[in-house]
Amino acid sequence: MPMYKVRPLHKPGADVLAEHLPVCMYRLPNLHRCLSSTESPPQQEEADPSLQALESRQEEILKRLYELKSAADGLSKMIQTPDADFDVTNVIQTDDCSLTTNGADLDLMLGKDYGALKDIVINANPSLPPLSLLVLHSLLCERYKILSAVHTHSSVRSVPENLLKCFGEQAKKQPRHEYQLGFTLIWKDVPKPQMKFSIQTMCPIEGEGNIARFLFSLFGQKYNAVTSTLIDSWVDTAIFQLKGGSSKEKGAVLRSMNAALGKTSWLVGNELTVADIVAWCVLQQTGSANAAPANVQKWMKSCENLAPFSSVMKLLK
C-alpha cells in the first residue's frame, strides 16, 4: 500500500524553497559573524543600580558565611577529635615512669572536651572475657574517678552473673559531670573485643592487645624507643603465640619468659607494664599457668599479690 506523499522542500540542483520555511519565530541578529568596519558593536544597557547593590550584598554575605564555616570547622576539629590537643613532642622520652607517679592529665592525652565526660565503650564476647581489660579497669579506678557500667547486648542470650558484676558495685552514685572517665563494657557476640573512645569520629580499635595498649597509655607512662619496642613485642607474643599458637610455640614463649624474668622482676624492666598484664591474663585464659617454669611461677605470684589481679582471679573461679 503506497504511503502518502509530501512535497519536497528542495529540488536537486535548486535552492531550498524558502517560502515553505516557518516564519512564526522571531529573528535575532547573528552574534558570531564578523562586524564590518562600518558597523559598530551593539551598545550594552546600563545595569540597574538596585541590582548592583543586591549583587554586592550577596557577595558580602557569601564572604561572611565562608569565614563562619572556617571557624566552625576549626572548633569542630578541636572538640570532636580525640587527639586534637595531643602534643607529639611529648611522646618520645628517654626515662621510664612508674605506675606510682601522679595521675596524668586526661585532657592532654585524649583532647579537651569542655566539661563533657570522656567515654570508653568496649564490646566483648562473654564466652572469652578479656581479662586484661578488667585488670586495667581496676588500675584506672585507682587513678581516676571512673563511671563504670556493664550492659548485655541482644545478640547474647545469657551472661554469667560474675561477668555482669565484673566491675563491682559503685558505693555512691555521683552526678555524671563529676567523673573523669566513663568505662562501659557491653557483652556482645563479637569475634574479638572492640573499643571506641569517640563514637562519632573514631574507628573502632579491635583486639585485646591493642585495646590494652590504649588503656595503659592513660597512665601517662613515657618510655624510650627500645623499651616501647620490647613491650609491644611481648604483647604481640602473648596474643598471637602464647594464646593462639601451637604447643611448640607456647613452650618456646614460656622459655623466653623464664629467661627474661631471671634477669628482671617484670618482663620489661623493673616496673609493671602492659606486657605483664596481657601475658598474665593469657596464661590464665589458656590454662598454661600450672606448667610454667619457676621464674614464670614466681612472676605470676607477684602479679596476683596486686589487688587488680586478685579481683580478676575471683572471676575465674
C-alpha atoms as a PDB file:
ATOM      1  CA  MET A   1       0.000   0.000   0.000  1.00  0.00           C
ATOM      2  CA  PRO A   2       1.672   3.328  -1.028  1.00  0.00           C
ATOM      3  CA  MET A   3       2.473   5.900   1.642  1.00  0.00           C
ATOM      4  CA  TYR A   4       1.136   9.456   1.464  1.00  0.00           C
ATOM      5  CA  LYS A   5       3.280  11.913  -0.450  1.00  0.00           C
ATOM      6  CA  VAL A   6       4.913  15.039   0.911  1.00  0.00           C
ATOM      7  CA  ARG A   7       6.037  17.841  -1.272  1.00  0.00           C
ATOM      8  CA  PRO A   8       9.862  18.142  -1.100  1.00  0.00           C
ATOM      9  CA  LEU A   9      11.322  21.357   0.313  1.00  0.00           C
ATOM     10  CA  HIS A  10      14.129  21.391  -2.196  1.00  0.00           C
ATOM     11  CA  LYS A  11      14.837  20.024  -5.614  1.00  0.00           C
ATOM     12  CA  PRO A  12      18.102  18.568  -6.892  1.00  0.00           C
ATOM     13  CA  GLY A  13      20.274  21.424  -8.060  1.00  0.00           C
ATOM     14  CA  ALA A  14      17.912  24.050  -6.687  1.00  0.00           C
ATOM     15  CA  ASP A  15      17.818  26.208  -3.599  1.00  0.00           C
ATOM     16  CA  VAL A  16      15.669  25.466  -0.612  1.00  0.00           C
ATOM     17  CA  LEU A  17      12.128  26.622  -1.006  1.00  0.00           C
ATOM     18  CA  ALA A  18      12.234  29.466   1.464  1.00  0.00           C
ATOM     19  CA  GLU A  19       8.556  30.165   1.093  1.00  0.00           C
ATOM     20  CA  HIS A  20       7.806  26.907   2.908  1.00  0.00           C
ATOM     21  CA  LEU A  21      10.056  27.612   5.912  1.00  0.00           C
ATOM     22  CA  PRO A  22       8.298  28.717   9.143  1.00  0.00           C
ATOM     23  CA  VAL A  23       8.125  32.447   9.681  1.00  0.00           C
ATOM     24  CA  CYS A  24       6.383  32.464  13.055  1.00  0.00           C
ATOM     25  CA  MET A  25       9.677  32.633  15.056  1.00  0.00           C
ATOM     26  CA  TYR A  26      11.221  35.996  15.901  1.00  0.00           C
ATOM     27  CA  ARG A  27      14.599  36.737  14.388  1.00  0.00           C
ATOM     28  CA  LEU A  28      17.819  37.622  16.282  1.00  0.00           C
ATOM     29  CA  PRO A  29      20.956  39.174  14.914  1.00  0.00           C
ATOM     30  CA  ASN A  30      23.853  36.807  14.294  1.00  0.00           C
ATOM     31  CA  LEU A  31      26.307  37.376  17.158  1.00  0.00           C
ATOM     32  CA  HIS A  32      29.042  35.196  15.603  1.00  0.00           C
ATOM     33  CA  ARG A  33      29.507  36.983  12.306  1.00  0.00           C
ATOM     34  CA  CYS A  34      32.344  39.430  11.971  1.00  0.00           C
ATOM     35  CA  LEU A  35      31.384  43.077  12.095  1.00  0.00           C
ATOM     36  CA  SER A  36      32.394  45.191   9.174  1.00  0.00           C
ATOM     37  CA  SER A  37      34.435  48.312   9.615  1.00  0.00           C
ATOM     38  CA  THR A  38      31.363  50.453   9.182  1.00  0.00           C
ATOM     39  CA  GLU A  39      29.258  48.621  11.719  1.00  0.00           C
ATOM     40  CA  SER A  40      29.509  49.439  15.401  1.00  0.00           C
ATOM     41  CA  PRO A  41      29.022  46.877  18.157  1.00  0.00           C
ATOM     42  CA  PRO A  42      25.693  46.880  19.946  1.00  0.00           C
ATOM     43  CA  GLN A  43      25.635  49.093  22.986  1.00  0.00           C
ATOM     44  CA  GLN A  44      25.143  47.430  26.359  1.00  0.00           C
ATOM     45  CA  GLU A  45      22.395  48.640  28.543  1.00  0.00           C
ATOM     46  CA  GLU A  46      23.389  50.250  31.811  1.00  0.00           C
ATOM     47  CA  ALA A  47      22.956  47.984  34.840  1.00  0.00           C
ATOM     48  CA  ASP A  48      20.248  48.841  37.314  1.00  0.00           C
ATOM     49  CA  PRO A  49      21.791  50.382  40.480  1.00  0.00           C
ATOM     50  CA  SER A  50      19.480  48.289  42.664  1.00  0.00           C
ATOM     51  CA  LEU A  51      20.774  45.102  41.006  1.00  0.00           C
ATOM     52  CA  GLN A  52      24.363  46.175  41.561  1.00  0.00           C
ATOM     53  CA  ALA A  53      23.644  46.833  45.221  1.00  0.00           C
ATOM     54  CA  LEU A  54      21.966  43.424  45.560  1.00  0.00           C
ATOM     55  CA  GLU A  55      24.943  41.716  43.925  1.00  0.00           C
ATOM     56  CA  SER A  56      27.400  43.457  46.257  1.00  0.00           C
ATOM     57  CA  ARG A  57      25.319  42.491  49.264  1.00  0.00           C
ATOM     58  CA  GLN A  58      25.214  38.861  48.123  1.00  0.00           C
ATOM     59  CA  GLU A  59      28.993  38.745  47.726  1.00  0.00           C
ATOM     60  CA  GLU A  60      29.456  40.186  51.218  1.00  0.00           C
ATOM     61  CA  ILE A  61      27.081  37.606  52.720  1.00  0.00           C
ATOM     62  CA  LEU A  62      28.879  34.734  50.950  1.00  0.00           C
ATOM     63  CA  LYS A  63      32.218  36.011  52.234  1.00  0.00           C
ATOM     64  CA  ARG A  64      30.950  36.135  55.821  1.00  0.00           C
ATOM     65  CA  LEU A  65      29.429  32.650  55.510  1.00  0.00           C
ATOM     66  CA  TYR A  66      32.754  31.287  54.307  1.00  0.00           C
ATOM     67  CA  GLU A  67      34.536  32.841  57.288  1.00  0.00           C
ATOM     68  CA  LEU A  68      31.953  31.400  59.715  1.00  0.00           C
ATOM     69  CA  LYS A  69      32.271  27.953  58.117  1.00  0.00           C
ATOM     70  CA  SER A  70      36.055  28.021  58.525  1.00  0.00           C
ATOM     71  CA  ALA A  71      35.719  28.995  62.191  1.00  0.00           C
ATOM     72  CA  ALA A  72      33.112  26.277  62.820  1.00  0.00           C
ATOM     73  CA  ASP A  73      35.314  23.630  61.169  1.00  0.00           C
ATOM     74  CA  GLY A  74      38.197  24.602  63.412  1.00  0.00           C
ATOM     75  CA  LEU A  75      36.068  24.346  66.564  1.00  0.00           C
ATOM     76  CA  SER A  76      34.632  21.019  65.427  1.00  0.00           C
ATOM     77  CA  LYS A  77      38.076  19.503  64.988  1.00  0.00           C
ATOM     78  CA  MET A  78      39.193  20.819  68.367  1.00  0.00           C
ATOM     79  CA  ILE A  79      36.171  19.421  70.209  1.00  0.00           C
ATOM     80  CA  GLN A  80      35.447  16.118  68.441  1.00  0.00           C
ATOM     81  CA  THR A  81      38.913  14.820  67.548  1.00  0.00           C
ATOM     82  CA  PRO A  82      40.313  12.748  70.460  1.00  0.00           C
ATOM     83  CA  ASP A  83      43.918  13.767  69.834  1.00  0.00           C
ATOM     84  CA  ALA A  84      43.313  17.373  68.816  1.00  0.00           C
ATOM     85  CA  ASP A  85      45.391  18.743  71.697  1.00  0.00           C
ATOM     86  CA  PHE A  86      47.917  15.911  71.719  1.00  0.00           C
ATOM     87  CA  ASP A  87      51.486  17.184  71.851  1.00  0.00           C
ATOM     88  CA  VAL A  88      53.601  14.924  69.678  1.00  0.00           C
ATOM     89  CA  THR A  89      56.810  16.327  71.136  1.00  0.00           C
ATOM     90  CA  ASN A  90      55.973  14.693  74.454  1.00  0.00           C
ATOM     91  CA  VAL A  91      55.592  11.178  73.035  1.00  0.00           C
ATOM     92  CA  ILE A  92      59.227  10.065  72.898  1.00  0.00           C
ATOM     93  CA  GLN A  93      61.103  10.297  76.175  1.00  0.00           C
ATOM     94  CA  THR A  94      64.218   8.566  77.471  1.00  0.00           C
ATOM     95  CA  ASP A  95      63.203   7.917  81.076  1.00  0.00           C
ATOM     96  CA  ASP A  96      60.904   5.197  82.356  1.00  0.00           C
ATOM     97  CA  CYS A  97      57.963   6.056  84.602  1.00  0.00           C
ATOM     98  CA  SER A  98      56.274   4.088  87.330  1.00  0.00           C
ATOM     99  CA  LEU A  99      52.590   3.479  87.948  1.00  0.00           C
ATOM    100  CA  THR A 100      53.027   5.131  91.326  1.00  0.00           C
ATOM    101  CA  THR A 101      53.556   8.599  89.804  1.00  0.00           C
ATOM    102  CA  ASN A 102      50.895  11.276  89.928  1.00  0.00           C
ATOM    103  CA  GLY A 103      47.835  10.987  87.717  1.00  0.00           C
ATOM    104  CA  ALA A 104      48.297  12.052  84.110  1.00  0.00           C
ATOM    105  CA  ASP A 105      46.272  14.801  82.504  1.00  0.00           C
ATOM    106  CA  LEU A 106      43.475  13.170  80.508  1.00  0.00           C
ATOM    107  CA  ASP A 107      42.868  16.380  78.583  1.00  0.00           C
ATOM    108  CA  LEU A 108      46.444  16.274  77.346  1.00  0.00           C
ATOM    109  CA  MET A 109      46.194  12.642  76.180  1.00  0.00           C
ATOM    110  CA  LEU A 110      42.599  12.439  74.987  1.00  0.00           C
ATOM    111  CA  GLY A 111      41.846  16.008  73.946  1.00  0.00           C
ATOM    112  CA  LYS A 112      39.795  18.695  75.636  1.00  0.00           C
ATOM    113  CA  ASP A 113      36.050  18.190  75.623  1.00  0.00           C
ATOM    114  CA  TYR A 114      34.932  21.297  77.529  1.00  0.00           C
ATOM    115  CA  GLY A 115      33.425  19.606  80.544  1.00  0.00           C
ATOM    116  CA  ALA A 116      31.870  16.571  78.849  1.00  0.00           C
ATOM    117  CA  LEU A 117      32.667  13.153  80.285  1.00  0.00           C
ATOM    118  CA  LYS A 118      35.111  11.100  78.228  1.00  0.00           C
ATOM    119  CA  ASP A 119      33.519   7.737  77.438  1.00  0.00           C
ATOM    120  CA  ILE A 120      35.237   4.454  76.596  1.00  0.00           C
ATOM    121  CA  VAL A 121      32.889   1.810  75.204  1.00  0.00           C
ATOM    122  CA  ILE A 122      34.105  -1.786  74.798  1.00  0.00           C
ATOM    123  CA  ASN A 123      32.270  -4.681  73.149  1.00  0.00           C
ATOM    124  CA  ALA A 124      33.443  -8.126  74.264  1.00  0.00           C
ATOM    125  CA  ASN A 125      32.262 -11.712  73.952  1.00  0.00           C
ATOM    126  CA  PRO A 126      31.319 -13.301  77.294  1.00  0.00           C
ATOM    127  CA  SER A 127      32.488 -16.706  76.064  1.00  0.00           C
ATOM    128  CA  LEU A 128      36.073 -15.383  76.155  1.00  0.00           C
ATOM    129  CA  PRO A 129      36.172 -12.406  78.535  1.00  0.00           C
ATOM    130  CA  PRO A 130      39.133 -10.029  78.031  1.00  0.00           C
ATOM    131  CA  LEU A 131      40.758 -10.353  81.440  1.00  0.00           C
ATOM    132  CA  SER A 132      43.485  -7.810  80.704  1.00  0.00           C
ATOM    133  CA  LEU A 133      40.862  -5.099  80.181  1.00  0.00           C
ATOM    134  CA  LEU A 134      39.325  -5.895  83.562  1.00  0.00           C
ATOM    135  CA  VAL A 135      42.726  -5.636  85.252  1.00  0.00           C
ATOM    136  CA  LEU A 136      43.379  -2.300  83.532  1.00  0.00           C
ATOM    137  CA  HIS A 137      39.949  -1.054  84.601  1.00  0.00           C
ATOM    138  CA  SER A 138      40.818  -1.759  88.227  1.00  0.00           C
ATOM    139  CA  LEU A 139      44.146   0.026  87.864  1.00  0.00           C
ATOM    140  CA  LEU A 140      42.462   3.031  86.240  1.00  0.00           C
ATOM    141  CA  CYS A 141      39.959   3.196  89.099  1.00  0.00           C
ATOM    142  CA  GLU A 142      42.902   3.725  91.458  1.00  0.00           C
ATOM    143  CA  ARG A 143      43.987   6.743  89.418  1.00  0.00           C
ATOM    144  CA  TYR A 144      40.814   8.434  88.154  1.00  0.00           C
ATOM    145  CA  LYS A 145      37.157   8.877  89.044  1.00  0.00           C
ATOM    146  CA  ILE A 146      35.529   6.378  86.684  1.00  0.00           C
ATOM    147  CA  LEU A 147      31.834   5.880  85.985  1.00  0.00           C
ATOM    148  CA  SER A 148      31.625   2.137  85.243  1.00  0.00           C
ATOM    149  CA  ALA A 149      28.732   0.267  83.654  1.00  0.00           C
ATOM    150  CA  VAL A 150      28.091  -3.229  82.289  1.00  0.00           C
ATOM    151  CA  HIS A 151      25.377  -3.997  79.721  1.00  0.00           C
ATOM    152  CA  THR A 152      24.224  -7.021  77.740  1.00  0.00           C
ATOM    153  CA  HIS A 153      23.578  -6.808  74.005  1.00  0.00           C
ATOM    154  CA  SER A 154      20.576  -8.517  72.437  1.00  0.00           C
ATOM    155  CA  SER A 155      22.925 -10.800  70.445  1.00  0.00           C
ATOM    156  CA  VAL A 156      23.844 -12.595  73.691  1.00  0.00           C
ATOM    157  CA  ARG A 157      21.263 -14.823  75.325  1.00  0.00           C
ATOM    158  CA  SER A 158      22.774 -15.163  78.775  1.00  0.00           C
ATOM    159  CA  VAL A 159      25.799 -13.864  80.645  1.00  0.00           C
ATOM    160  CA  PRO A 160      27.172 -15.378  83.883  1.00  0.00           C
ATOM    161  CA  GLU A 161      26.398 -13.419  86.996  1.00  0.00           C
ATOM    162  CA  ASN A 162      30.056 -12.855  87.833  1.00  0.00           C
ATOM    163  CA  LEU A 163      30.632 -11.166  84.451  1.00  0.00           C
ATOM    164  CA  LEU A 164      27.629  -8.904  84.939  1.00  0.00           C
ATOM    165  CA  LYS A 165      29.214  -7.732  88.200  1.00  0.00           C
ATOM    166  CA  CYS A 166      32.816  -7.707  86.982  1.00  0.00           C
ATOM    167  CA  PHE A 167      33.179  -4.024  87.861  1.00  0.00           C
ATOM    168  CA  GLY A 168      31.685  -4.464  91.306  1.00  0.00           C
ATOM    169  CA  GLU A 169      29.153  -2.131  92.848  1.00  0.00           C
ATOM    170  CA  GLN A 170      29.755   1.601  92.979  1.00  0.00           C
ATOM    171  CA  ALA A 171      29.135   2.666  96.554  1.00  0.00           C
ATOM    172  CA  LYS A 172      27.862   6.147  95.742  1.00  0.00           C
ATOM    173  CA  LYS A 173      26.388   7.449  92.533  1.00  0.00           C
ATOM    174  CA  GLN A 174      27.594  10.955  91.806  1.00  0.00           C
ATOM    175  CA  PRO A 175      26.483  13.335  89.059  1.00  0.00           C
ATOM    176  CA  ARG A 176      27.929  12.366  85.702  1.00  0.00           C
ATOM    177  CA  HIS A 177      29.947  15.547  85.305  1.00  0.00           C
ATOM    178  CA  GLU A 178      31.916  14.811  88.490  1.00  0.00           C
ATOM    179  CA  TYR A 179      33.601  11.765  86.935  1.00  0.00           C
ATOM    180  CA  GLN A 180      36.748  11.945  84.830  1.00  0.00           C
ATOM    181  CA  LEU A 181      36.199   8.904  82.635  1.00  0.00           C
ATOM    182  CA  GLY A 182      33.314   6.689  81.588  1.00  0.00           C
ATOM    183  CA  PHE A 183      34.032   2.976  81.169  1.00  0.00           C
ATOM    184  CA  THR A 184      31.214   0.944  79.627  1.00  0.00           C
ATOM    185  CA  LEU A 185      31.544  -2.767  78.904  1.00  0.00           C
ATOM    186  CA  ILE A 186      28.934  -4.373  76.624  1.00  0.00           C
ATOM    187  CA  TRP A 187      28.783  -8.158  76.464  1.00  0.00           C
ATOM    188  CA  LYS A 188      28.104  -8.765  72.779  1.00  0.00           C
ATOM    189  CA  ASP A 189      28.538 -11.541  70.221  1.00  0.00           C
ATOM    190  CA  VAL A 190      31.692 -10.228  68.528  1.00  0.00           C
ATOM    191  CA  PRO A 191      34.674 -12.208  67.182  1.00  0.00           C
ATOM    192  CA  LYS A 192      37.181 -10.033  69.058  1.00  0.00           C
ATOM    193  CA  PRO A 193      36.969  -7.175  71.557  1.00  0.00           C
ATOM    194  CA  GLN A 194      36.187  -3.772  70.063  1.00  0.00           C
ATOM    195  CA  MET A 195      36.646  -0.365  71.633  1.00  0.00           C
ATOM    196  CA  LYS A 196      35.558   3.148  70.752  1.00  0.00           C
ATOM    197  CA  PHE A 197      36.594   6.278  72.585  1.00  0.00           C
ATOM    198  CA  SER A 198      34.910   8.892  70.386  1.00  0.00           C
ATOM    199  CA  ILE A 199      31.727   7.378  68.948  1.00  0.00           C
ATOM    200  CA  GLN A 200      31.304   9.936  66.153  1.00  0.00           C
ATOM    201  CA  THR A 201      34.838  10.373  64.866  1.00  0.00           C
ATOM    202  CA  MET A 202      36.863   7.322  65.841  1.00  0.00           C
ATOM    203  CA  CYS A 203      37.127   3.981  64.060  1.00  0.00           C
ATOM    204  CA  PRO A 204      36.876   1.026  66.479  1.00  0.00           C
ATOM    205  CA  ILE A 205      40.098  -0.404  67.920  1.00  0.00           C
ATOM    206  CA  GLU A 206      39.969  -4.195  67.619  1.00  0.00           C
ATOM    207  CA  GLY A 207      41.876  -6.844  69.526  1.00  0.00           C
ATOM    208  CA  GLU A 208      42.538  -7.285  73.228  1.00  0.00           C
ATOM    209  CA  GLY A 209      46.207  -6.368  72.877  1.00  0.00           C
ATOM    210  CA  ASN A 210      45.529  -3.103  71.029  1.00  0.00           C
ATOM    211  CA  ILE A 211      42.839  -2.034  73.490  1.00  0.00           C
ATOM    212  CA  ALA A 212      45.152  -2.872  76.403  1.00  0.00           C
ATOM    213  CA  ARG A 213      47.833  -0.627  74.897  1.00  0.00           C
ATOM    214  CA  PHE A 214      45.354   2.249  74.645  1.00  0.00           C
ATOM    215  CA  LEU A 215      44.101   1.861  78.216  1.00  0.00           C
ATOM    216  CA  PHE A 216      47.603   1.543  79.652  1.00  0.00           C
ATOM    217  CA  SER A 217      48.619   4.752  77.865  1.00  0.00           C
ATOM    218  CA  LEU A 218      46.113   6.617  80.058  1.00  0.00           C
ATOM    219  CA  PHE A 219      48.527   6.223  82.984  1.00  0.00           C
ATOM    220  CA  GLY A 220      50.871   8.628  81.213  1.00  0.00           C
ATOM    221  CA  GLN A 221      53.969   6.399  81.180  1.00  0.00           C
ATOM    222  CA  LYS A 222      56.665   7.511  78.752  1.00  0.00           C
ATOM    223  CA  TYR A 223      59.274   5.033  77.553  1.00  0.00           C
ATOM    224  CA  ASN A 224      62.242   5.261  75.263  1.00  0.00           C
ATOM    225  CA  ALA A 225      62.141   3.589  71.850  1.00  0.00           C
ATOM    226  CA  VAL A 226      63.846   0.376  72.989  1.00  0.00           C
ATOM    227  CA  THR A 227      61.559  -0.144  75.974  1.00  0.00           C
ATOM    228  CA  SER A 228      58.428   0.587  73.915  1.00  0.00           C
ATOM    229  CA  THR A 229      59.517  -1.931  71.295  1.00  0.00           C
ATOM    230  CA  LEU A 230      60.115  -4.634  73.898  1.00  0.00           C
ATOM    231  CA  ILE A 231      56.713  -4.011  75.471  1.00  0.00           C
ATOM    232  CA  ASP A 232      54.931  -4.227  72.111  1.00  0.00           C
ATOM    233  CA  SER A 233      56.868  -7.376  71.251  1.00  0.00           C
ATOM    234  CA  TRP A 234      55.787  -9.144  74.453  1.00  0.00           C
ATOM    235  CA  VAL A 235      52.163  -8.094  73.968  1.00  0.00           C
ATOM    236  CA  ASP A 236      52.112  -9.471  70.416  1.00  0.00           C
ATOM    237  CA  THR A 237      53.909 -12.644  71.513  1.00  0.00           C
ATOM    238  CA  ALA A 238      51.345 -13.250  74.243  1.00  0.00           C
ATOM    239  CA  ILE A 239      48.350 -12.676  71.952  1.00  0.00           C
ATOM    240  CA  PHE A 240      49.492 -14.445  68.788  1.00  0.00           C
ATOM    241  CA  GLN A 241      51.803 -17.213  70.059  1.00  0.00           C
ATOM    242  CA  LEU A 242      51.048 -17.880  73.699  1.00  0.00           C
ATOM    243  CA  LYS A 243      47.297 -17.625  73.137  1.00  0.00           C
ATOM    244  CA  GLY A 244      46.775 -18.663  69.531  1.00  0.00           C
ATOM    245  CA  GLY A 245      49.934 -20.620  68.698  1.00  0.00           C
ATOM    246  CA  SER A 246      50.756 -24.313  68.672  1.00  0.00           C
ATOM    247  CA  SER A 247      52.027 -26.231  71.683  1.00  0.00           C
ATOM    248  CA  LYS A 248      55.597 -25.888  70.393  1.00  0.00           C
ATOM    249  CA  GLU A 249      55.215 -22.113  70.097  1.00  0.00           C
ATOM    250  CA  LYS A 250      53.731 -21.876  73.587  1.00  0.00           C
ATOM    251  CA  GLY A 251      56.661 -23.823  75.012  1.00  0.00           C
ATOM    252  CA  ALA A 252      59.130 -21.515  73.292  1.00  0.00           C
ATOM    253  CA  VAL A 253      57.371 -18.436  74.670  1.00  0.00           C
ATOM    254  CA  LEU A 254      57.415 -19.824  78.214  1.00  0.00           C
ATOM    255  CA  ARG A 255      61.147 -20.494  77.950  1.00  0.00           C
ATOM    256  CA  SER A 256      61.735 -16.939  76.691  1.00  0.00           C
ATOM    257  CA  MET A 257      59.670 -15.532  79.545  1.00  0.00           C
ATOM    258  CA  ASN A 258      61.563 -17.644  82.056  1.00  0.00           C
ATOM    259  CA  ALA A 259      64.890 -16.330  80.739  1.00  0.00           C
ATOM    260  CA  ALA A 260      63.735 -12.705  80.780  1.00  0.00           C
ATOM    261  CA  LEU A 261      62.277 -12.980  84.288  1.00  0.00           C
ATOM    262  CA  GLY A 262      65.545 -14.458  85.509  1.00  0.00           C
ATOM    263  CA  LYS A 263      67.162 -11.051  84.880  1.00  0.00           C
ATOM    264  CA  THR A 264      64.409  -8.611  85.910  1.00  0.00           C
ATOM    265  CA  SER A 265      61.380  -8.673  88.185  1.00  0.00           C
ATOM    266  CA  TRP A 266      58.984  -7.944  85.334  1.00  0.00           C
ATOM    267  CA  LEU A 267      59.024  -8.772  81.645  1.00  0.00           C
ATOM    268  CA  VAL A 268      60.393  -5.348  80.688  1.00  0.00           C
ATOM    269  CA  GLY A 269      62.495  -3.618  83.321  1.00  0.00           C
ATOM    270  CA  ASN A 270      61.680  -3.333  86.999  1.00  0.00           C
ATOM    271  CA  GLU A 271      58.178  -1.880  86.716  1.00  0.00           C
ATOM    272  CA  LEU A 272      54.806  -3.349  85.802  1.00  0.00           C
ATOM    273  CA  THR A 273      53.855  -2.724  82.167  1.00  0.00           C
ATOM    274  CA  VAL A 274      51.022  -3.696  79.861  1.00  0.00           C
ATOM    275  CA  ALA A 275      53.183  -6.621  78.713  1.00  0.00           C
ATOM    276  CA  ASP A 276      52.921  -8.209  82.189  1.00  0.00           C
ATOM    277  CA  ILE A 277      49.163  -7.643  82.338  1.00  0.00           C
ATOM    278  CA  VAL A 278      48.445  -9.175  78.921  1.00  0.00           C
ATOM    279  CA  ALA A 279      50.848 -12.104  79.384  1.00  0.00           C
ATOM    280  CA  TRP A 280      49.466 -12.982  82.836  1.00  0.00           C
ATOM    281  CA  CYS A 281      45.876 -12.891  81.589  1.00  0.00           C
ATOM    282  CA  VAL A 282      46.693 -15.064  78.573  1.00  0.00           C
ATOM    283  CA  LEU A 283      48.300 -17.662  80.852  1.00  0.00           C
ATOM    284  CA  GLN A 284      45.143 -17.697  82.951  1.00  0.00           C
ATOM    285  CA  GLN A 285      42.879 -17.993  79.909  1.00  0.00           C
ATOM    286  CA  THR A 286      44.852 -20.817  78.270  1.00  0.00           C
ATOM    287  CA  GLY A 287      45.427 -22.780  81.473  1.00  0.00           C
ATOM    288  CA  SER A 288      49.208 -22.753  80.992  1.00  0.00           C
ATOM    289  CA  ALA A 289      49.950 -21.311  84.420  1.00  0.00           C
ATOM    290  CA  ASN A 290      50.489 -24.662  86.121  1.00  0.00           C
ATOM    291  CA  ALA A 291      53.026 -25.814  83.528  1.00  0.00           C
ATOM    292  CA  ALA A 292      55.059 -22.587  83.642  1.00  0.00           C
ATOM    293  CA  PRO A 293      58.772 -22.623  84.626  1.00  0.00           C
ATOM    294  CA  ALA A 294      59.993 -21.474  88.026  1.00  0.00           C
ATOM    295  CA  ASN A 295      60.720 -17.839  87.200  1.00  0.00           C
ATOM    296  CA  VAL A 296      57.333 -17.509  85.489  1.00  0.00           C
ATOM    297  CA  GLN A 297      55.591 -19.018  88.510  1.00  0.00           C
ATOM    298  CA  LYS A 298      57.314 -16.521  90.800  1.00  0.00           C
ATOM    299  CA  TRP A 299      56.364 -13.644  88.499  1.00  0.00           C
ATOM    300  CA  MET A 300      52.733 -14.784  88.408  1.00  0.00           C
ATOM    301  CA  LYS A 301      52.570 -14.764  92.210  1.00  0.00           C
ATOM    302  CA  SER A 302      53.941 -11.218  92.192  1.00  0.00           C
ATOM    303  CA  CYS A 303      51.117 -10.226  89.846  1.00  0.00           C
ATOM    304  CA  GLU A 304      48.474 -11.939  91.950  1.00  0.00           C
ATOM    305  CA  ASN A 305      49.644 -10.072  95.044  1.00  0.00           C
ATOM    306  CA  LEU A 306      48.320  -6.895  93.404  1.00  0.00           C
ATOM    307  CA  ALA A 307      44.642  -6.152  94.062  1.00  0.00           C
ATOM    308  CA  PRO A 308      43.571  -5.740  90.383  1.00  0.00           C
ATOM    309  CA  PHE A 309      44.898  -9.215  89.524  1.00  0.00           C
ATOM    310  CA  SER A 310      43.402 -10.875  92.597  1.00  0.00           C
ATOM    311  CA  SER A 311      39.977  -9.416  91.786  1.00  0.00           C
ATOM    312  CA  VAL A 312      40.134 -10.955  88.316  1.00  0.00           C
ATOM    313  CA  MET A 313      41.126 -14.292  89.868  1.00  0.00           C
ATOM    314  CA  LYS A 314      37.716 -14.372  91.545  1.00  0.00           C
ATOM    315  CA  LEU A 315      36.038 -14.247  88.114  1.00  0.00           C
ATOM    316  CA  LEU A 316      37.871 -17.401  87.069  1.00  0.00           C
ATOM    317  CA  LYS A 317      36.507 -19.470  89.943  1.00  0.00           C
END
